[in-house]
Amino acid sequence: MARCFLPSLLVVLVLHVASCAANSHETQYVAPSDQSITGETEASYDGIHQRIYVTNHSTVPVVLTSFQLRDCENIANPCEVSRLRVPLSPGQRTLLATIGPQNRDRPFHFHYGWTWEVSSPTH
């Protein structure tokens, strides 16, 4: 009797583990928001410029619609709003801009922002 019980228990255990493994790969919905569409800066390899990246941590495709530099000091880039149409898939990270000084002998400073919208099927 013990021999029949052990294989049955083993089959149940294997099915349970397989079920748990399948459930761990399910994607949970993450809404696009200002908390899930994030930006960050990184120093460029040249040690002078700053790269601005935006990452879509949501599970919904979005489109970056504008980028703005403001409060600019010694910036070579235009300190203005630029209109965009940059698609950003779920989990994707994209380089939005590389910012550098107008005069490399002086420090530079800026703030930045961007706008986005949920991607429609036509994007």
PDB file of N, CA and C in Angstrom:
ATOM      1  N   MET A   1       0.813  -1.195   0.000  1.00  0.00           N
ATOM      2  CA  MET A   1       0.000   0.000   0.000  1.00  0.00           C
ATOM      3  C   MET A   1       0.856   1.258   0.000  1.00  0.00           C
ATOM      4  N   ALA A   2       1.955   1.219   0.697  1.00  0.00           N
ATOM      5  CA  ALA A   2       2.839   2.376   0.747  1.00  0.00           C
ATOM      6  C   ALA A   2       3.418   2.687  -0.617  1.00  0.00           C
ATOM      7  N   ARG A   3       3.645   1.659  -1.434  1.00  0.00           N
ATOM      8  CA  ARG A   3       4.197   1.896  -2.770  1.00  0.00           C
ATOM      9  C   ARG A   3       3.224   2.688  -3.645  1.00  0.00           C
ATOM     10  N   CYS A   4       1.962   2.448  -3.561  1.00  0.00           N
ATOM     11  CA  CYS A   4       0.975   3.158  -4.379  1.00  0.00           C
ATOM     12  C   CYS A   4       0.816   4.603  -3.904  1.00  0.00           C
ATOM     13  N   PHE A   5       0.900   4.822  -2.620  1.00  0.00           N
ATOM     14  CA  PHE A   5       0.712   6.144  -2.049  1.00  0.00           C
ATOM     15  C   PHE A   5       1.873   7.073  -2.432  1.00  0.00           C
ATOM     16  N   LEU A   6       3.094   6.598  -2.392  1.00  0.00           N
ATOM     17  CA  LEU A   6       4.270   7.407  -2.671  1.00  0.00           C
ATOM     18  C   LEU A   6       4.286   7.936  -4.105  1.00  0.00           C
ATOM     19  N   PRO A   7       4.050   7.113  -5.140  1.00  0.00           N
ATOM     20  CA  PRO A   7       4.011   7.668  -6.500  1.00  0.00           C
ATOM     21  C   PRO A   7       2.881   8.681  -6.679  1.00  0.00           C
ATOM     22  N   SER A   8       1.742   8.447  -6.065  1.00  0.00           N
ATOM     23  CA  SER A   8       0.628   9.394  -6.175  1.00  0.00           C
ATOM     24  C   SER A   8       1.000  10.733  -5.532  1.00  0.00           C
ATOM     25  N   LEU A   9       1.645  10.670  -4.376  1.00  0.00           N
ATOM     26  CA  LEU A   9       2.077  11.875  -3.685  1.00  0.00           C
ATOM     27  C   LEU A   9       3.115  12.617  -4.532  1.00  0.00           C
ATOM     28  N   LEU A  10       4.003  11.895  -5.162  1.00  0.00           N
ATOM     29  CA  LEU A  10       5.029  12.490  -6.003  1.00  0.00           C
ATOM     30  C   LEU A  10       4.394  13.205  -7.204  1.00  0.00           C
ATOM     31  N   VAL A  11       3.384  12.589  -7.820  1.00  0.00           N
ATOM     32  CA  VAL A  11       2.698  13.213  -8.959  1.00  0.00           C
ATOM     33  C   VAL A  11       2.011  14.501  -8.517  1.00  0.00           C
ATOM     34  N   VAL A  12       1.343  14.474  -7.378  1.00  0.00           N
ATOM     35  CA  VAL A  12       0.664  15.663  -6.861  1.00  0.00           C
ATOM     36  C   VAL A  12       1.686  16.765  -6.580  1.00  0.00           C
ATOM     37  N   LEU A  13       2.801  16.417  -5.977  1.00  0.00           N
ATOM     38  CA  LEU A  13       3.836  17.388  -5.662  1.00  0.00           C
ATOM     39  C   LEU A  13       4.421  18.005  -6.936  1.00  0.00           C
ATOM     40  N   VAL A  14       4.695  17.199  -7.938  1.00  0.00           N
ATOM     41  CA  VAL A  14       5.236  17.706  -9.205  1.00  0.00           C
ATOM     42  C   VAL A  14       4.237  18.635  -9.875  1.00  0.00           C
ATOM     43  N   LEU A  15       2.953  18.265  -9.881  1.00  0.00           N
ATOM     44  CA  LEU A  15       1.938  19.120 -10.482  1.00  0.00           C
ATOM     45  C   LEU A  15       1.809  20.442  -9.737  1.00  0.00           C
ATOM     46  N   HIS A  16       1.911  20.397  -8.422  1.00  0.00           N
ATOM     47  CA  HIS A  16       1.833  21.613  -7.606  1.00  0.00           C
ATOM     48  C   HIS A  16       3.018  22.540  -7.904  1.00  0.00           C
ATOM     49  N   VAL A  17       4.207  21.983  -7.967  1.00  0.00           N
ATOM     50  CA  VAL A  17       5.394  22.788  -8.264  1.00  0.00           C
ATOM     51  C   VAL A  17       5.294  23.371  -9.667  1.00  0.00           C
ATOM     52  N   ALA A  18       4.841  22.599 -10.625  1.00  0.00           N
ATOM     53  CA  ALA A  18       4.683  23.095 -11.991  1.00  0.00           C
ATOM     54  C   ALA A  18       3.647  24.219 -12.036  1.00  0.00           C
ATOM     55  N   SER A  19       2.578  24.080 -11.270  1.00  0.00           N
ATOM     56  CA  SER A  19       1.551  25.106 -11.212  1.00  0.00           C
ATOM     57  C   SER A  19       2.110  26.390 -10.613  1.00  0.00           C
ATOM     58  N   CYS A  20       2.886  26.271  -9.559  1.00  0.00           N
ATOM     59  CA  CYS A  20       3.490  27.449  -8.932  1.00  0.00           C
ATOM     60  C   CYS A  20       4.465  28.129  -9.880  1.00  0.00           C
ATOM     61  N   ALA A  21       5.238  27.339 -10.605  1.00  0.00           N
ATOM     62  CA  ALA A  21       6.194  27.903 -11.551  1.00  0.00           C
ATOM     63  C   ALA A  21       5.471  28.639 -12.672  1.00  0.00           C
ATOM     64  N   ALA A  22       4.372  28.094 -13.146  1.00  0.00           N
ATOM     65  CA  ALA A  22       3.607  28.747 -14.208  1.00  0.00           C
ATOM     66  C   ALA A  22       3.030  30.063 -13.714  1.00  0.00           C
ATOM     67  N   ASN A  23       2.535  30.092 -12.474  1.00  0.00           N
ATOM     68  CA  ASN A  23       1.949  31.309 -11.924  1.00  0.00           C
ATOM     69  C   ASN A  23       2.985  32.386 -11.669  1.00  0.00           C
ATOM     70  N   SER A  24       4.235  32.030 -11.420  1.00  0.00           N
ATOM     71  CA  SER A  24       5.245  33.035 -11.119  1.00  0.00           C
ATOM     72  C   SER A  24       5.632  33.834 -12.352  1.00  0.00           C
ATOM     73  N   HIS A  25       5.266  33.393 -13.551  1.00  0.00           N
ATOM     74  CA  HIS A  25       5.599  34.101 -14.776  1.00  0.00           C
ATOM     75  C   HIS A  25       4.454  34.964 -15.284  1.00  0.00           C
ATOM     76  N   GLU A  26       3.344  35.000 -14.570  1.00  0.00           N
ATOM     77  CA  GLU A  26       2.231  35.837 -14.981  1.00  0.00           C
ATOM     78  C   GLU A  26       2.619  37.306 -14.818  1.00  0.00           C
ATOM     79  N   THR A  27       2.240  38.129 -15.776  1.00  0.00           N
ATOM     80  CA  THR A  27       2.539  39.550 -15.724  1.00  0.00           C
ATOM     81  C   THR A  27       1.417  40.268 -15.005  1.00  0.00           C
ATOM     82  N   GLN A  28       1.770  41.026 -13.990  1.00  0.00           N
ATOM     83  CA  GLN A  28       0.778  41.833 -13.301  1.00  0.00           C
ATOM     84  C   GLN A  28       0.693  43.181 -13.987  1.00  0.00           C
ATOM     85  N   TYR A  29      -0.512  43.699 -14.105  1.00  0.00           N
ATOM     86  CA  TYR A  29      -0.741  44.984 -14.745  1.00  0.00           C
ATOM     87  C   TYR A  29      -0.123  46.102 -13.919  1.00  0.00           C
ATOM     88  N   VAL A  30       0.666  46.954 -14.576  1.00  0.00           N
ATOM     89  CA  VAL A  30       1.218  48.154 -13.954  1.00  0.00           C
ATOM     90  C   VAL A  30       0.801  49.330 -14.834  1.00  0.00           C
ATOM     91  N   ALA A  31      -0.014  50.194 -14.281  1.00  0.00           N
ATOM     92  CA  ALA A  31      -0.526  51.331 -15.042  1.00  0.00           C
ATOM     93  C   ALA A  31       0.580  52.332 -15.346  1.00  0.00           C
ATOM     94  N   PRO A  32       0.528  52.952 -16.510  1.00  0.00           N
ATOM     95  CA  PRO A  32       1.480  54.023 -16.781  1.00  0.00           C
ATOM     96  C   PRO A  32       1.144  55.237 -15.906  1.00  0.00           C
ATOM     97  N   SER A  33       2.144  55.792 -15.278  1.00  0.00           N
ATOM     98  CA  SER A  33       1.967  56.946 -14.391  1.00  0.00           C
ATOM     99  C   SER A  33       3.306  57.658 -14.272  1.00  0.00           C
ATOM    100  N   ASP A  34       3.296  58.768 -13.575  1.00  0.00           N
ATOM    101  CA  ASP A  34       4.557  59.480 -13.363  1.00  0.00           C
ATOM    102  C   ASP A  34       5.510  58.688 -12.465  1.00  0.00           C
ATOM    103  N   GLN A  35       4.998  57.681 -11.779  1.00  0.00           N
ATOM    104  CA  GLN A  35       5.847  56.812 -10.967  1.00  0.00           C
ATOM    105  C   GLN A  35       6.386  55.628 -11.775  1.00  0.00           C
ATOM    106  N   SER A  36       5.722  55.256 -12.864  1.00  0.00           N
ATOM    107  CA  SER A  36       6.181  54.111 -13.652  1.00  0.00           C
ATOM    108  C   SER A  36       6.877  54.510 -14.960  1.00  0.00           C
ATOM    109  N   ILE A  37       6.762  55.765 -15.356  1.00  0.00           N
ATOM    110  CA  ILE A  37       7.510  56.285 -16.508  1.00  0.00           C
ATOM    111  C   ILE A  37       8.558  57.218 -15.905  1.00  0.00           C
ATOM    112  N   THR A  38       9.789  56.736 -15.791  1.00  0.00           N
ATOM    113  CA  THR A  38      10.796  57.449 -15.011  1.00  0.00           C
ATOM    114  C   THR A  38      11.981  57.892 -15.856  1.00  0.00           C
ATOM    115  N   GLY A  39      12.649  58.930 -15.374  1.00  0.00           N
ATOM    116  CA  GLY A  39      13.837  59.443 -16.039  1.00  0.00           C
ATOM    117  C   GLY A  39      15.031  59.393 -15.118  1.00  0.00           C
ATOM    118  N   GLU A  40      16.195  59.326 -15.737  1.00  0.00           N
ATOM    119  CA  GLU A  40      17.440  59.348 -14.967  1.00  0.00           C
ATOM    120  C   GLU A  40      18.556  59.894 -15.845  1.00  0.00           C
ATOM    121  N   THR A  41      19.552  60.467 -15.201  1.00  0.00           N
ATOM    122  CA  THR A  41      20.714  60.960 -15.934  1.00  0.00           C
ATOM    123  C   THR A  41      21.915  60.078 -15.613  1.00  0.00           C
ATOM    124  N   GLU A  42      22.783  59.979 -16.599  1.00  0.00           N
ATOM    125  CA  GLU A  42      24.043  59.257 -16.438  1.00  0.00           C
ATOM    126  C   GLU A  42      25.137  60.080 -17.093  1.00  0.00           C
ATOM    127  N   ALA A  43      26.318  60.021 -16.527  1.00  0.00           N
ATOM    128  CA  ALA A  43      27.466  60.691 -17.147  1.00  0.00           C
ATOM    129  C   ALA A  43      27.835  59.960 -18.430  1.00  0.00           C
ATOM    130  N   SER A  44      28.159  60.721 -19.468  1.00  0.00           N
ATOM    131  CA  SER A  44      28.627  60.130 -20.721  1.00  0.00           C
ATOM    132  C   SER A  44      30.043  59.604 -20.529  1.00  0.00           C
ATOM    133  N   TYR A  45      30.453  58.804 -21.484  1.00  0.00           N
ATOM    134  CA  TYR A  45      31.789  58.220 -21.422  1.00  0.00           C
ATOM    135  C   TYR A  45      32.889  59.272 -21.481  1.00  0.00           C
ATOM    136  N   ASP A  46      32.585  60.431 -22.077  1.00  0.00           N
ATOM    137  CA  ASP A  46      33.601  61.475 -22.180  1.00  0.00           C
ATOM    138  C   ASP A  46      33.799  62.231 -20.874  1.00  0.00           C
ATOM    139  N   GLY A  47      32.926  62.002 -19.892  1.00  0.00           N
ATOM    140  CA  GLY A  47      33.044  62.662 -18.597  1.00  0.00           C
ATOM    141  C   GLY A  47      32.571  64.101 -18.600  1.00  0.00           C
ATOM    142  N   ILE A  48      32.043  64.573 -19.708  1.00  0.00           N
ATOM    143  CA  ILE A  48      31.608  65.966 -19.822  1.00  0.00           C
ATOM    144  C   ILE A  48      30.091  66.060 -19.948  1.00  0.00           C
ATOM    145  N   HIS A  49      29.523  65.283 -20.832  1.00  0.00           N
ATOM    146  CA  HIS A  49      28.092  65.341 -21.129  1.00  0.00           C
ATOM    147  C   HIS A  49      27.275  64.506 -20.150  1.00  0.00           C
ATOM    148  N   GLN A  50      25.990  64.806 -20.087  1.00  0.00           N
ATOM    149  CA  GLN A  50      25.021  64.031 -19.311  1.00  0.00           C
ATOM    150  C   GLN A  50      24.008  63.435 -20.279  1.00  0.00           C
ATOM    151  N   ARG A  51      23.721  62.144 -20.114  1.00  0.00           N
ATOM    152  CA  ARG A  51      22.702  61.479 -20.930  1.00  0.00           C
ATOM    153  C   ARG A  51      21.428  61.358 -20.110  1.00  0.00           C
ATOM    154  N   ILE A  52      20.315  61.654 -20.742  1.00  0.00           N
ATOM    155  CA  ILE A  52      19.015  61.548 -20.077  1.00  0.00           C
ATOM    156  C   ILE A  52      18.269  60.364 -20.683  1.00  0.00           C
ATOM    157  N   TYR A  53      17.911  59.417 -19.836  1.00  0.00           N
ATOM    158  CA  TYR A  53      17.173  58.223 -20.249  1.00  0.00           C
ATOM    159  C   TYR A  53      15.783  58.255 -19.643  1.00  0.00           C
ATOM    160  N   VAL A  54      14.815  57.681 -20.357  1.00  0.00           N
ATOM    161  CA  VAL A  54      13.465  57.481 -19.824  1.00  0.00           C
ATOM    162  C   VAL A  54      13.154  55.995 -19.951  1.00  0.00           C
ATOM    163  N   THR A  55      12.577  55.433 -18.881  1.00  0.00           N
ATOM    164  CA  THR A  55      12.239  54.010 -18.829  1.00  0.00           C
ATOM    165  C   THR A  55      10.749  53.849 -18.563  1.00  0.00           C
ATOM    166  N   ASN A  56      10.141  52.922 -19.290  1.00  0.00           N
ATOM    167  CA  ASN A  56       8.729  52.588 -19.101  1.00  0.00           C
ATOM    168  C   ASN A  56       8.652  51.346 -18.207  1.00  0.00           C
ATOM    169  N   HIS A  57       8.357  51.549 -16.928  1.00  0.00           N
ATOM    170  CA  HIS A  57       8.218  50.439 -15.988  1.00  0.00           C
ATOM    171  C   HIS A  57       6.787  49.897 -15.940  1.00  0.00           C
ATOM    172  N   SER A  58       5.905  50.460 -16.759  1.00  0.00           N
ATOM    173  CA  SER A  58       4.519  49.977 -16.785  1.00  0.00           C
ATOM    174  C   SER A  58       4.419  48.788 -17.736  1.00  0.00           C
ATOM    175  N   THR A  59       3.240  48.209 -17.806  1.00  0.00           N
ATOM    176  CA  THR A  59       2.995  47.098 -18.740  1.00  0.00           C
ATOM    177  C   THR A  59       2.206  47.568 -19.958  1.00  0.00           C
ATOM    178  N   VAL A  60       2.165  48.883 -20.162  1.00  0.00           N
ATOM    179  CA  VAL A  60       1.400  49.491 -21.243  1.00  0.00           C
ATOM    180  C   VAL A  60       2.351  50.305 -22.130  1.00  0.00           C
ATOM    181  N   PRO A  61       2.255  50.168 -23.461  1.00  0.00           N
ATOM    182  CA  PRO A  61       3.084  51.003 -24.334  1.00  0.00           C
ATOM    183  C   PRO A  61       2.685  52.476 -24.213  1.00  0.00           C
ATOM    184  N   VAL A  62       3.679  53.349 -24.219  1.00  0.00           N
ATOM    185  CA  VAL A  62       3.429  54.785 -24.172  1.00  0.00           C
ATOM    186  C   VAL A  62       4.219  55.461 -25.293  1.00  0.00           C
ATOM    187  N   VAL A  63       3.916  56.735 -25.514  1.00  0.00           N
ATOM    188  CA  VAL A  63       4.640  57.547 -26.481  1.00  0.00           C
ATOM    189  C   VAL A  63       5.125  58.798 -25.753  1.00  0.00           C
ATOM    190  N   LEU A  64       6.426  59.073 -25.836  1.00  0.00           N
ATOM    191  CA  LEU A  64       6.961  60.319 -25.286  1.00  0.00           C
ATOM    192  C   LEU A  64       6.596  61.422 -26.263  1.00  0.00           C
ATOM    193  N   THR A  65       5.929  62.484 -25.770  1.00  0.00           N
ATOM    194  CA  THR A  65       5.395  63.505 -26.666  1.00  0.00           C
ATOM    195  C   THR A  65       6.157  64.828 -26.620  1.00  0.00           C
ATOM    196  N   SER A  66       6.929  65.065 -25.568  1.00  0.00           N
ATOM    197  CA  SER A  66       7.747  66.274 -25.536  1.00  0.00           C
ATOM    198  C   SER A  66       8.879  66.109 -24.530  1.00  0.00           C
ATOM    199  N   PHE A  67       9.892  66.942 -24.711  1.00  0.00           N
ATOM    200  CA  PHE A  67      11.041  66.998 -23.817  1.00  0.00           C
ATOM    201  C   PHE A  67      11.360  68.473 -23.615  1.00  0.00           C
ATOM    202  N   GLN A  68      11.640  68.849 -22.362  1.00  0.00           N
ATOM    203  CA  GLN A  68      11.921  70.247 -22.080  1.00  0.00           C
ATOM    204  C   GLN A  68      13.146  70.389 -21.201  1.00  0.00           C
ATOM    205  N   LEU A  69      14.041  71.282 -21.610  1.00  0.00           N
ATOM    206  CA  LEU A  69      15.140  71.727 -20.748  1.00  0.00           C
ATOM    207  C   LEU A  69      14.740  73.078 -20.178  1.00  0.00           C
ATOM    208  N   ARG A  70      15.014  73.305 -18.896  1.00  0.00           N
ATOM    209  CA  ARG A  70      14.699  74.592 -18.270  1.00  0.00           C
ATOM    210  C   ARG A  70      15.757  74.903 -17.210  1.00  0.00           C
ATOM    211  N   ASP A  71      15.766  76.135 -16.754  1.00  0.00           N
ATOM    212  CA  ASP A  71      16.748  76.602 -15.761  1.00  0.00           C
ATOM    213  C   ASP A  71      18.172  76.286 -16.238  1.00  0.00           C
ATOM    214  N   CYS A  72      18.442  76.559 -17.496  1.00  0.00           N
ATOM    215  CA  CYS A  72      19.718  76.189 -18.112  1.00  0.00           C
ATOM    216  C   CYS A  72      20.805  77.227 -17.809  1.00  0.00           C
ATOM    217  N   GLU A  73      21.959  76.733 -17.439  1.00  0.00           N
ATOM    218  CA  GLU A  73      23.146  77.562 -17.265  1.00  0.00           C
ATOM    219  C   GLU A  73      24.294  76.899 -18.007  1.00  0.00           C
ATOM    220  N   ASN A  74      24.865  77.614 -18.961  1.00  0.00           N
ATOM    221  CA  ASN A  74      26.001  77.138 -19.750  1.00  0.00           C
ATOM    222  C   ASN A  74      25.688  75.821 -20.470  1.00  0.00           C
ATOM    223  N   ILE A  75      24.540  75.775 -21.135  1.00  0.00           N
ATOM    224  CA  ILE A  75      24.105  74.570 -21.852  1.00  0.00           C
ATOM    225  C   ILE A  75      24.193  74.822 -23.357  1.00  0.00           C
ATOM    226  N   ALA A  76      24.799  73.875 -24.076  1.00  0.00           N
ATOM    227  CA  ALA A  76      24.894  73.983 -25.532  1.00  0.00           C
ATOM    228  C   ALA A  76      23.556  73.668 -26.205  1.00  0.00           C
ATOM    229  N   ASN A  77      22.747  72.832 -25.592  1.00  0.00           N
ATOM    230  CA  ASN A  77      21.447  72.453 -26.152  1.00  0.00           C
ATOM    231  C   ASN A  77      20.456  73.609 -26.007  1.00  0.00           C
ATOM    232  N   PRO A  78      19.466  73.682 -26.905  1.00  0.00           N
ATOM    233  CA  PRO A  78      18.433  74.712 -26.748  1.00  0.00           C
ATOM    234  C   PRO A  78      17.625  74.473 -25.469  1.00  0.00           C
ATOM    235  N   CYS A  79      17.421  75.517 -24.714  1.00  0.00           N
ATOM    236  CA  CYS A  79      16.660  75.438 -23.463  1.00  0.00           C
ATOM    237  C   CYS A  79      15.200  75.744 -23.789  1.00  0.00           C
ATOM    238  N   GLU A  80      14.516  74.741 -24.338  1.00  0.00           N
ATOM    239  CA  GLU A  80      13.148  74.922 -24.820  1.00  0.00           C
ATOM    240  C   GLU A  80      12.431  73.579 -24.855  1.00  0.00           C
ATOM    241  N   VAL A  81      11.169  73.632 -25.248  1.00  0.00           N
ATOM    242  CA  VAL A  81      10.364  72.420 -25.397  1.00  0.00           C
ATOM    243  C   VAL A  81      10.576  71.864 -26.801  1.00  0.00           C
ATOM    244  N   SER A  82      10.809  70.566 -26.878  1.00  0.00           N
ATOM    245  CA  SER A  82      10.918  69.872 -28.167  1.00  0.00           C
ATOM    246  C   SER A  82       9.766  68.884 -28.272  1.00  0.00           C
ATOM    247  N   ARG A  83       9.020  68.947 -29.353  1.00  0.00           N
ATOM    248  CA  ARG A  83       7.927  67.996 -29.592  1.00  0.00           C
ATOM    249  C   ARG A  83       8.523  66.687 -30.078  1.00  0.00           C
ATOM    250  N   LEU A  84       7.965  65.575 -29.602  1.00  0.00           N
ATOM    251  CA  LEU A  84       8.462  64.240 -29.934  1.00  0.00           C
ATOM    252  C   LEU A  84       7.321  63.302 -30.286  1.00  0.00           C
ATOM    253  N   ARG A  85       7.658  62.175 -30.862  1.00  0.00           N
ATOM    254  CA  ARG A  85       6.760  61.018 -31.025  1.00  0.00           C
ATOM    255  C   ARG A  85       7.650  59.791 -30.875  1.00  0.00           C
ATOM    256  N   VAL A  86       8.092  59.512 -29.662  1.00  0.00           N
ATOM    257  CA  VAL A  86       9.002  58.394 -29.403  1.00  0.00           C
ATOM    258  C   VAL A  86       8.232  57.274 -28.707  1.00  0.00           C
ATOM    259  N   PRO A  87       7.979  56.157 -29.395  1.00  0.00           N
ATOM    260  CA  PRO A  87       7.289  55.038 -28.751  1.00  0.00           C
ATOM    261  C   PRO A  87       8.190  54.383 -27.706  1.00  0.00           C
ATOM    262  N   LEU A  88       7.587  53.970 -26.611  1.00  0.00           N
ATOM    263  CA  LEU A  88       8.321  53.333 -25.521  1.00  0.00           C
ATOM    264  C   LEU A  88       7.517  52.120 -25.049  1.00  0.00           C
ATOM    265  N   SER A  89       8.000  50.947 -25.389  1.00  0.00           N
ATOM    266  CA  SER A  89       7.313  49.696 -25.036  1.00  0.00           C
ATOM    267  C   SER A  89       7.454  49.405 -23.550  1.00  0.00           C
ATOM    268  N   PRO A  90       6.622  48.522 -23.012  1.00  0.00           N
ATOM    269  CA  PRO A  90       6.770  48.128 -21.607  1.00  0.00           C
ATOM    270  C   PRO A  90       8.173  47.578 -21.354  1.00  0.00           C
ATOM    271  N   GLY A  91       8.802  48.078 -20.306  1.00  0.00           N
ATOM    272  CA  GLY A  91      10.137  47.627 -19.936  1.00  0.00           C
ATOM    273  C   GLY A  91      11.266  48.263 -20.733  1.00  0.00           C
ATOM    274  N   GLN A  92      10.943  49.076 -21.720  1.00  0.00           N
ATOM    275  CA  GLN A  92      11.971  49.666 -22.579  1.00  0.00           C
ATOM    276  C   GLN A  92      12.569  50.919 -21.954  1.00  0.00           C
ATOM    277  N   ARG A  93      13.860  51.106 -22.193  1.00  0.00           N
ATOM    278  CA  ARG A  93      14.597  52.295 -21.774  1.00  0.00           C
ATOM    279  C   ARG A  93      15.154  52.943 -23.037  1.00  0.00           C
ATOM    280  N   THR A  94      15.015  54.278 -23.145  1.00  0.00           N
ATOM    281  CA  THR A  94      15.508  54.957 -24.329  1.00  0.00           C
ATOM    282  C   THR A  94      16.302  56.199 -23.949  1.00  0.00           C
ATOM    283  N   LEU A  95      17.306  56.495 -24.761  1.00  0.00           N
ATOM    284  CA  LEU A  95      18.086  57.714 -24.596  1.00  0.00           C
ATOM    285  C   LEU A  95      17.265  58.864 -25.165  1.00  0.00           C
ATOM    286  N   LEU A  96      16.938  59.816 -24.315  1.00  0.00           N
ATOM    287  CA  LEU A  96      16.103  60.938 -24.735  1.00  0.00           C
ATOM    288  C   LEU A  96      16.945  62.119 -25.211  1.00  0.00           C
ATOM    289  N   ALA A  97      18.073  62.387 -24.535  1.00  0.00           N
ATOM    290  CA  ALA A  97      18.911  63.528 -24.914  1.00  0.00           C
ATOM    291  C   ALA A  97      20.297  63.371 -24.305  1.00  0.00           C
ATOM    292  N   THR A  98      21.254  64.021 -24.955  1.00  0.00           N
ATOM    293  CA  THR A  98      22.600  64.152 -24.405  1.00  0.00           C
ATOM    294  C   THR A  98      22.853  65.642 -24.250  1.00  0.00           C
ATOM    295  N   ILE A  99      23.135  66.056 -23.035  1.00  0.00           N
ATOM    296  CA  ILE A  99      23.263  67.472 -22.704  1.00  0.00           C
ATOM    297  C   ILE A  99      24.725  67.781 -22.398  1.00  0.00           C
ATOM    298  N   GLY A 100      25.197  68.896 -22.948  1.00  0.00           N
ATOM    299  CA  GLY A 100      26.583  69.279 -22.719  1.00  0.00           C
ATOM    300  C   GLY A 100      26.724  70.771 -22.496  1.00  0.00           C
ATOM    301  N   PRO A 101      27.881  71.169 -21.983  1.00  0.00           N
ATOM    302  CA  PRO A 101      28.114  72.592 -21.718  1.00  0.00           C
ATOM    303  C   PRO A 101      28.463  73.361 -22.991  1.00  0.00           C
ATOM    304  N   GLN A 102      28.116  74.620 -23.005  1.00  0.00           N
ATOM    305  CA  GLN A 102      28.525  75.485 -24.105  1.00  0.00           C
ATOM    306  C   GLN A 102      30.014  75.794 -23.959  1.00  0.00           C
ATOM    307  N   ASN A 103      30.446  76.024 -22.731  1.00  0.00           N
ATOM    308  CA  ASN A 103      31.850  76.294 -22.433  1.00  0.00           C
ATOM    309  C   ASN A 103      32.332  75.198 -21.478  1.00  0.00           C
ATOM    310  N   ARG A 104      33.212  74.337 -21.947  1.00  0.00           N
ATOM    311  CA  ARG A 104      33.676  73.189 -21.151  1.00  0.00           C
ATOM    312  C   ARG A 104      34.492  73.592 -19.927  1.00  0.00           C
ATOM    313  N   ASP A 105      34.948  74.829 -19.882  1.00  0.00           N
ATOM    314  CA  ASP A 105      35.752  75.292 -18.746  1.00  0.00           C
ATOM    315  C   ASP A 105      34.894  75.779 -17.587  1.00  0.00           C
ATOM    316  N   ARG A 106      33.584  75.840 -17.794  1.00  0.00           N
ATOM    317  CA  ARG A 106      32.676  76.291 -16.746  1.00  0.00           C
ATOM    318  C   ARG A 106      31.681  75.188 -16.409  1.00  0.00           C
ATOM    319  N   PRO A 107      31.190  75.159 -15.181  1.00  0.00           N
ATOM    320  CA  PRO A 107      30.162  74.161 -14.836  1.00  0.00           C
ATOM    321  C   PRO A 107      28.855  74.464 -15.568  1.00  0.00           C
ATOM    322  N   PHE A 108      28.025  73.429 -15.714  1.00  0.00           N
ATOM    323  CA  PHE A 108      26.721  73.634 -16.330  1.00  0.00           C
ATOM    324  C   PHE A 108      25.644  73.023 -15.454  1.00  0.00           C
ATOM    325  N   HIS A 109      24.427  73.515 -15.640  1.00  0.00           N
ATOM    326  CA  HIS A 109      23.300  73.109 -14.798  1.00  0.00           C
ATOM    327  C   HIS A 109      22.021  73.187 -15.631  1.00  0.00           C
ATOM    328  N   PHE A 110      21.082  72.273 -15.343  1.00  0.00           N
ATOM    329  CA  PHE A 110      19.790  72.287 -16.030  1.00  0.00           C
ATOM    330  C   PHE A 110      18.803  71.437 -15.247  1.00  0.00           C
ATOM    331  N   HIS A 111      17.541  71.650 -15.543  1.00  0.00           N
ATOM    332  CA  HIS A 111      16.461  70.771 -15.115  1.00  0.00           C
ATOM    333  C   HIS A 111      15.792  70.277 -16.388  1.00  0.00           C
ATOM    334  N   TYR A 112      15.113  69.154 -16.291  1.00  0.00           N
ATOM    335  CA  TYR A 112      14.454  68.618 -17.474  1.00  0.00           C
ATOM    336  C   TYR A 112      13.128  67.985 -17.099  1.00  0.00           C
ATOM    337  N   GLY A 113      12.296  67.825 -18.096  1.00  0.00           N
ATOM    338  CA  GLY A 113      11.007  67.159 -17.931  1.00  0.00           C
ATOM    339  C   GLY A 113      10.565  66.612 -19.274  1.00  0.00           C
ATOM    340  N   TRP A 114       9.531  65.797 -19.241  1.00  0.00           N
ATOM    341  CA  TRP A 114       8.989  65.212 -20.463  1.00  0.00           C
ATOM    342  C   TRP A 114       7.516  64.945 -20.264  1.00  0.00           C
ATOM    343  N   THR A 115       6.830  64.788 -21.356  1.00  0.00           N
ATOM    344  CA  THR A 115       5.419  64.392 -21.303  1.00  0.00           C
ATOM    345  C   THR A 115       5.261  63.102 -22.091  1.00  0.00           C
ATOM    346  N   TRP A 116       4.207  62.383 -21.768  1.00  0.00           N
ATOM    347  CA  TRP A 116       3.940  61.106 -22.421  1.00  0.00           C
ATOM    348  C   TRP A 116       2.441  60.908 -22.480  1.00  0.00           C
ATOM    349  N   GLU A 117       2.048  59.966 -23.314  1.00  0.00           N
ATOM    350  CA  GLU A 117       0.642  59.557 -23.370  1.00  0.00           C
ATOM    351  C   GLU A 117       0.610  58.071 -23.665  1.00  0.00           C
ATOM    352  N   VAL A 118      -0.506  57.452 -23.351  1.00  0.00           N
ATOM    353  CA  VAL A 118      -0.682  56.036 -23.644  1.00  0.00           C
ATOM    354  C   VAL A 118      -0.709  55.877 -25.155  1.00  0.00           C
ATOM    355  N   SER A 119       0.007  54.885 -25.630  1.00  0.00           N
ATOM    356  CA  SER A 119       0.083  54.631 -27.069  1.00  0.00           C
ATOM    357  C   SER A 119      -1.245  54.102 -27.594  1.00  0.00           C
ATOM    358  N   SER A 120      -1.697  54.681 -28.693  1.00  0.00           N
ATOM    359  CA  SER A 120      -2.908  54.172 -29.331  1.00  0.00           C
ATOM    360  C   SER A 120      -2.485  53.155 -30.378  1.00  0.00           C
ATOM    361  N   PRO A 121      -3.404  52.339 -30.869  1.00  0.00           N
ATOM    362  CA  PRO A 121      -3.047  51.326 -31.864  1.00  0.00           C
ATOM    363  C   PRO A 121      -2.426  51.889 -33.141  1.00  0.00           C
ATOM    364  N   THR A 122      -2.625  53.183 -33.418  1.00  0.00           N
ATOM    365  CA  THR A 122      -2.067  53.779 -34.638  1.00  0.00           C
ATOM    366  C   THR A 122      -0.621  54.216 -34.476  1.00  0.00           C
ATOM    367  N   HIS A 123      -0.069  54.208 -33.239  1.00  0.00           N
ATOM    368  CA  HIS A 123       1.326  54.636 -33.032  1.00  0.00           C
ATOM    369  C   HIS A 123       2.264  53.540 -33.410  1.00  0.00           C
TER     370      HIS A 123
END
